[in-house]
Protein backbone atom coordinates (compact mmCIF):
# COMPACT_ATOMS: atom_id res chain seq x y z
CA MET A 1 -27.72 -28.78 110.03
CA GLU A 2 -26.60 -28.76 106.46
CA ASP A 3 -26.09 -32.40 106.41
CA TRP A 4 -29.77 -33.13 107.05
CA LYS A 5 -30.53 -30.49 104.31
CA ALA A 6 -28.52 -32.29 102.13
CA GLY A 7 -29.56 -35.47 102.67
CA LEU A 8 -33.50 -34.53 102.48
CA ARG A 9 -32.42 -32.85 98.82
CA ALA A 10 -30.64 -36.18 97.81
CA GLU A 11 -34.11 -38.37 98.80
CA VAL A 12 -36.23 -35.86 97.18
CA ARG A 13 -34.58 -36.04 94.01
CA ALA A 14 -34.28 -40.09 93.69
CA ILE A 15 -38.26 -39.59 94.63
CA GLU A 16 -38.85 -37.36 91.46
CA ILE A 17 -36.45 -39.52 89.38
CA ALA A 18 -38.42 -42.43 90.22
CA THR A 19 -41.55 -41.26 90.05
CA GLY A 20 -40.78 -39.51 86.31
CA ASP A 21 -39.57 -43.17 85.32
CA ALA A 22 -42.47 -44.38 86.48
CA ALA A 23 -44.56 -41.87 84.97
CA ALA A 24 -42.41 -42.19 81.45
CA ALA A 25 -43.39 -45.65 81.48
CA GLN A 26 -47.21 -45.23 82.04
CA LEU A 27 -47.52 -42.65 79.10
CA PRO A 28 -47.54 -44.81 76.43
CA GLU A 29 -50.38 -47.14 77.49
CA LEU A 30 -52.29 -44.10 78.53
CA LEU A 31 -52.38 -41.97 75.26
CA ARG A 32 -53.56 -45.46 73.51
CA ARG A 33 -56.48 -46.10 75.90
CA LEU A 34 -57.10 -42.02 75.26
CA ARG A 35 -56.76 -42.45 71.65
CA ARG A 36 -59.30 -45.53 71.61
CA HIS A 37 -61.81 -43.50 73.68
CA GLN A 38 -61.67 -40.45 71.08
CA ALA A 39 -62.26 -42.63 68.39
CA GLY A 40 -65.24 -44.18 69.65
CA LEU A 41 -67.18 -41.28 70.28
CA GLY A 42 -69.73 -41.26 67.30
CA GLY A 43 -71.65 -44.03 68.75
CA ASN A 44 -74.34 -44.78 71.28
CA PRO A 45 -75.20 -41.45 72.81
CA ILE A 46 -75.32 -43.22 76.17
CA LEU A 47 -71.59 -44.69 75.35
CA ALA A 48 -70.57 -41.09 73.95
CA LEU A 49 -71.06 -39.44 77.74
CA TYR A 50 -69.14 -42.21 79.43
CA ARG A 51 -66.72 -41.82 76.96
CA ARG A 52 -66.56 -38.04 76.91
CA TRP A 53 -65.87 -38.65 80.70
CA ARG A 54 -63.19 -41.01 80.09
CA ILE A 55 -61.65 -38.50 77.73
CA ARG A 56 -61.48 -35.96 80.42
CA ILE A 57 -60.32 -38.15 83.17
CA LEU A 58 -57.59 -39.63 80.78
CA ALA A 59 -55.87 -36.60 79.23
CA ARG A 60 -55.41 -35.02 83.08
CA ALA A 61 -53.84 -38.40 83.69
CA VAL A 62 -51.46 -37.57 80.52
CA ALA A 63 -50.86 -34.18 81.44
CA ASP A 64 -50.07 -35.04 85.11
CA ALA A 65 -47.51 -38.15 83.40
CA ARG A 66 -46.05 -35.74 81.43
CA TRP A 67 -45.39 -33.21 83.97
CA HIS A 68 -44.20 -35.79 86.35
CA ALA A 69 -41.83 -37.23 83.43
CA GLU A 70 -40.42 -33.74 83.04
CA GLN A 71 -39.76 -33.25 86.79
CA GLY A 72 -38.16 -36.53 86.70
CA ARG A 73 -35.76 -35.48 84.00
CA ALA A 74 -34.85 -32.02 85.38
CA ALA A 75 -34.10 -33.92 88.89
CA ARG A 76 -31.92 -36.12 86.82
CA LEU A 77 -29.92 -32.80 85.44
CA ASP A 78 -30.25 -31.76 89.24
CA GLY A 79 -32.33 -29.17 88.78
CA LEU A 80 -35.84 -29.55 90.58
CA ASP A 81 -38.71 -26.92 89.80
CA PRO A 82 -38.08 -24.07 92.18
CA ARG A 83 -42.07 -23.72 92.35
CA ARG A 84 -41.91 -26.33 94.76
């Protein structure tokens, strides 16, 4: 039984590391897109509605990517988040 649990923990750790690496790779592009939408807020009022919506979506994606990158770093150090 303990071997099975150890194998599962190793798989979860590998998944956390891979997810963290992928999120860290996407983070610069997400930040660039977020800044671009924030910079274009002052124009057309119809486009401003769209940009505010995109800013909220992109800000959420940036927060998620940062969280996953941090979880990947923690898993790499073999300390998974205890909330899971």
